[in-house]
Protein backbone atom coordinates (compact mmCIF):
# COMPACT_ATOMS: atom_id res chain seq x y z
CA MET A 1 -14.46 -0.85 -24.74
CA LYS A 2 -12.70 2.63 -23.90
CA ALA A 3 -9.64 3.00 -21.73
CA LEU A 4 -8.35 6.24 -20.13
CA VAL A 5 -4.59 6.47 -20.91
CA ALA A 6 -2.95 8.94 -18.27
CA LEU A 7 -0.11 10.72 -19.56
CA SER A 8 2.91 12.64 -17.41
CA GLY A 9 4.37 14.71 -20.12
CA ASN A 10 6.34 14.08 -22.99
CA GLY A 11 10.00 12.32 -22.93
CA VAL A 12 11.43 9.56 -20.81
CA TYR A 13 13.29 11.56 -18.38
CA ASP A 14 10.82 14.20 -17.64
CA GLY A 15 7.46 12.97 -18.71
CA SER A 16 5.62 9.86 -20.36
CA GLU A 17 8.10 7.47 -22.31
CA ILE A 18 7.04 7.94 -26.11
CA HIS A 19 7.79 4.66 -27.26
CA GLU A 20 5.68 3.31 -24.58
CA SER A 21 3.01 5.60 -24.94
CA VAL A 22 2.65 5.46 -28.95
CA LEU A 23 2.97 1.53 -28.88
CA THR A 24 0.30 1.42 -26.19
CA LEU A 25 -2.04 3.35 -28.54
CA LEU A 26 -1.29 0.81 -31.28
CA HIS A 27 -1.99 -2.17 -29.47
CA LEU A 28 -5.06 -0.65 -28.20
CA ASN A 29 -6.39 0.18 -31.55
CA MET A 30 -5.37 -3.04 -32.92
CA GLN A 31 -7.28 -4.71 -30.12
CA GLY A 32 -10.46 -2.88 -30.68
CA ILE A 33 -10.24 -0.93 -27.51
CA GLU A 34 -10.82 2.87 -27.90
CA TYR A 35 -8.94 5.02 -25.81
CA GLN A 36 -8.76 8.59 -24.59
CA CYS A 37 -5.54 10.65 -23.47
CA VAL A 38 -5.55 12.27 -20.16
CA ALA A 39 -3.05 14.39 -18.23
CA PRO A 40 -2.93 16.68 -14.90
CA ASN A 41 -2.91 20.44 -15.97
CA ILE A 42 0.18 20.93 -13.50
CA LYS A 43 3.72 22.43 -14.21
CA GLN A 44 5.80 19.79 -14.47
CA TYR A 45 8.72 19.14 -12.25
CA HIS A 46 11.54 20.12 -14.30
CA VAL A 47 12.80 19.94 -18.09
CA ILE A 48 15.38 17.83 -19.16
CA ASN A 49 17.42 18.54 -22.45
CA HIS A 50 17.17 14.69 -24.09
CA THR A 51 20.69 15.26 -25.79
CA ASN A 52 22.65 15.33 -22.75
CA GLY A 53 20.23 14.53 -19.57
CA GLU A 54 21.22 18.40 -18.03
CA GLU A 55 18.39 19.99 -16.72
CA MET A 56 17.07 23.31 -18.62
CA LYS A 57 16.05 26.72 -17.32
CA GLU A 58 12.64 26.47 -18.61
CA SER A 59 9.02 25.64 -17.55
CA ARG A 60 6.72 23.35 -19.21
CA ASN A 61 3.02 22.08 -18.65
CA VAL A 62 2.51 18.38 -18.36
CA LEU A 63 -1.00 18.66 -20.11
CA VAL A 64 0.32 20.67 -22.77
CA GLU A 65 3.47 18.44 -23.17
CA ALA A 66 1.22 15.38 -23.23
CA ALA A 67 -1.17 16.64 -26.00
CA ARG A 68 1.95 16.04 -28.26
CA ILE A 69 1.73 12.48 -27.98
CA ALA A 70 -2.27 12.42 -28.06
CA ARG A 71 -1.98 14.57 -31.18
CA GLY A 72 -3.96 17.43 -29.63
CA ASP A 73 -6.85 14.77 -28.46
CA ILE A 74 -6.28 15.23 -24.53
CA LYS A 75 -8.31 15.95 -21.68
CA ASP A 76 -7.55 17.53 -18.49
CA LEU A 77 -7.18 14.79 -15.59
CA SER A 78 -9.18 16.54 -13.16
CA GLU A 79 -12.24 16.64 -15.80
CA VAL A 80 -12.88 13.02 -16.24
CA SER A 81 -14.26 10.22 -14.66
CA ILE A 82 -13.05 6.60 -14.43
CA ALA A 83 -16.94 5.74 -14.30
CA ASP A 84 -17.44 6.64 -17.88
CA TYR A 85 -14.43 4.57 -18.80
CA ASP A 86 -13.56 0.51 -18.96
CA ALA A 87 -9.78 0.82 -17.82
CA LEU A 88 -6.95 2.92 -16.67
CA ILE A 89 -3.51 2.83 -18.02
CA LEU A 90 -0.54 4.45 -17.10
CA PRO A 91 2.70 4.18 -19.74
CA GLY A 92 5.98 4.81 -17.82
CA GLY A 93 8.81 7.54 -18.20
CA PHE A 94 10.27 9.38 -15.28
CA GLY A 95 7.27 11.54 -15.39
CA ALA A 96 5.49 9.19 -13.29
CA ALA A 97 8.22 9.44 -10.49
CA LYS A 98 8.58 13.36 -11.10
CA ASN A 99 5.06 14.44 -11.90
CA PHE A 100 2.51 11.78 -10.87
CA THR A 101 4.94 11.10 -7.49
CA THR A 102 8.10 12.30 -6.09
CA TRP A 103 9.45 8.81 -5.92
CA ALA A 104 12.41 9.87 -7.98
CA PHE A 105 13.64 12.22 -5.22
CA ASP A 106 12.09 10.77 -2.14
CA GLY A 107 11.54 7.20 -2.76
CA PRO A 108 8.52 5.58 -0.96
CA LYS A 109 8.49 8.45 1.38
CA GLY A 110 7.33 10.52 -1.29
CA SER A 111 4.02 12.29 -2.12
CA VAL A 112 1.48 11.23 -5.05
CA LEU A 113 -0.49 13.78 -7.11
CA LYS A 114 -3.91 13.79 -5.67
CA GLU A 115 -5.50 13.90 -8.92
CA ILE A 116 -3.95 10.53 -10.12
CA LYS A 117 -4.32 8.95 -6.66
CA THR A 118 -7.91 9.65 -6.69
CA ILE A 119 -8.72 8.20 -9.99
CA ILE A 120 -6.52 5.05 -9.38
CA LEU A 121 -8.48 4.41 -6.17
CA GLU A 122 -11.80 5.01 -8.11
CA THR A 123 -10.63 2.85 -10.47
CA VAL A 124 -9.82 -0.04 -7.74
CA LYS A 125 -13.04 0.36 -6.23
CA LEU A 126 -15.02 0.10 -9.42
CA LYS A 127 -13.27 -3.18 -10.16
CA LYS A 128 -12.15 -1.82 -13.41
CA PRO A 129 -8.63 -2.88 -15.04
CA ILE A 130 -5.60 -1.18 -14.56
CA LEU A 131 -2.26 -1.46 -16.68
CA ALA A 132 0.84 0.17 -15.73
CA MET A 133 4.17 0.10 -17.34
CA CYS A 134 7.99 0.54 -16.54
CA MET A 135 8.35 2.98 -13.50
CA ALA A 136 4.43 3.70 -13.49
CA PRO A 137 3.65 0.75 -10.77
CA VAL A 138 5.21 2.82 -8.08
CA VAL A 139 2.31 5.45 -8.44
CA ILE A 140 -0.15 2.49 -8.05
CA ALA A 141 1.77 1.39 -4.89
CA LYS A 142 1.88 5.03 -3.67
CA SER A 143 -1.82 5.50 -4.37
CA LEU A 144 -2.62 2.26 -2.33
CA GLU A 145 -0.36 2.97 0.57
CA GLY A 146 -2.51 2.74 3.73
CA SER A 147 -5.42 1.01 2.20
CA THR A 148 -5.98 -2.68 2.92
CA ILE A 149 -5.10 -3.48 -0.91
CA SER A 150 -1.69 -5.28 -1.26
CA ALA A 151 -1.09 -4.97 -4.78
CA LYS A 152 1.05 -7.45 -6.91
CA LEU A 153 3.40 -5.16 -8.94
CA THR A 154 6.52 -5.38 -11.03
CA VAL A 155 9.21 -2.86 -12.39
CA GLY A 156 11.53 -5.62 -13.71
CA SER A 157 14.03 -8.10 -12.86
CA ASP A 158 17.48 -7.69 -11.41
CA LYS A 159 18.41 -11.38 -13.04
CA GLU A 160 18.48 -9.59 -16.50
CA ALA A 161 20.34 -6.44 -17.98
CA THR A 162 18.84 -3.17 -16.46
CA PRO A 163 20.14 0.35 -16.10
CA TYR A 164 18.12 0.80 -12.82
CA GLU A 165 17.98 -0.43 -9.26
CA ILE A 166 15.07 -2.81 -9.54
CA GLU A 167 15.98 -4.27 -5.88
CA ALA A 168 15.99 -0.94 -4.43
CA ILE A 169 12.50 0.09 -6.19
CA SER A 170 10.81 -3.26 -5.55
CA ALA A 171 11.91 -3.12 -1.85
CA GLY A 172 10.81 0.27 -1.70
CA MET A 173 7.18 -0.62 -3.05
CA GLU A 174 7.01 -3.39 -0.62
CA SER A 175 7.81 -0.84 2.29
CA ILE A 176 4.51 0.93 1.60
CA GLY A 177 2.29 -2.35 1.26
CA ALA A 178 2.78 -3.74 -2.67
CA ARG A 179 3.90 -7.15 -3.11
CA ALA A 180 6.82 -6.82 -5.79
CA GLU A 181 7.55 -9.68 -8.34
CA LYS A 182 10.71 -9.93 -10.62
CA VAL A 183 9.80 -10.52 -14.07
CA SER A 184 11.59 -9.91 -17.46
CA VAL A 185 10.90 -7.17 -20.33
CA ARG A 186 8.79 -10.14 -22.05
CA GLU A 187 6.61 -10.90 -19.19
CA LEU A 188 3.69 -9.64 -17.08
CA THR A 189 2.72 -9.59 -13.55
CA VAL A 190 -1.26 -9.92 -13.18
CA ASP A 191 -2.77 -9.38 -10.02
CA THR A 192 -6.29 -11.12 -11.01
CA GLU A 193 -7.93 -10.19 -7.44
CA HIS A 194 -7.49 -6.39 -7.64
CA LYS A 195 -7.41 -6.28 -11.88
CA ILE A 196 -3.78 -4.77 -11.96
CA ILE A 197 -1.47 -5.50 -15.04
CA THR A 198 2.20 -4.71 -14.68
CA THR A 199 5.10 -4.98 -17.30
CA PRO A 200 8.69 -3.74 -16.73
CA CYS A 201 8.99 -2.18 -20.57
CA TYR A 202 12.47 0.28 -20.73
CA MET A 203 13.21 -0.69 -16.85
CA MET A 204 15.06 -3.32 -18.76
CA GLU A 205 17.40 -3.05 -21.14
CA ALA A 206 15.44 -3.87 -24.48
CA SER A 207 14.94 -3.18 -27.99
CA ILE A 208 11.84 -1.37 -29.28
CA SER A 209 10.34 -4.79 -30.59
CA GLU A 210 10.89 -6.28 -27.03
CA ILE A 211 9.25 -3.55 -25.71
CA SER A 212 6.23 -3.75 -28.02
CA GLU A 213 5.89 -7.43 -27.59
CA GLY A 214 5.65 -6.79 -23.76
CA ILE A 215 3.10 -4.04 -24.27
CA ALA A 216 1.06 -6.17 -26.92
CA LYS A 217 0.76 -8.83 -24.08
CA ALA A 218 -0.45 -6.50 -21.26
CA VAL A 219 -2.93 -5.29 -23.96
CA SER A 220 -4.25 -8.50 -24.28
CA ALA A 221 -4.34 -9.54 -20.94
CA LEU A 222 -6.55 -6.20 -20.48
CA LYS A 223 -8.78 -7.08 -23.02
CA LEU A 224 -9.38 -10.43 -21.29
CA MET A 225 -10.22 -8.78 -18.18
CA LEU A 226 -12.81 -6.38 -20.14
């Protein structure tokens, strides 16, 4: 068993969420699932100073930044085929809504990166599992928009503490054809028909141990599908 892990950069505010990414790799390893990290070879939307949240006047590359998480063992997204792997995984972070899509700026009316849309559609076509965390389910929703597939997805719950507008994001996903569920950081949404697993992670106010618990459950569910 070997999964593709698609990273959108390095850092919660402008790339992949590092804790989610590393914990995903850890739990894959603990479950005996090999992995290959990939990222698009593109300029990231912008660079954020993670000490104060302010935009920095510099340019960075998504693949180069994601290689930091992958310890250099990473491939260009455009040069891999999901046919050679058993599953696709998308950790969260705002890179999902800035580099994979433009959801952070345009909401559900925004665009989705061609390379990520292609690999998501191919994964679904081949009936292979997808696991998406945190904000990454919007990437799936955008990729499936206009298709005959109405995926069951979650970005969290507005019934527990969250720094984000869960209701608005959920409504946005539903406006383009997805079915949004509200679940806690400790829970999953599993679309058994389309083999898509989603979990909220840091969309909710949570400790790193709670994030780890949710990812562990998600990876276990992924292994069952495999």
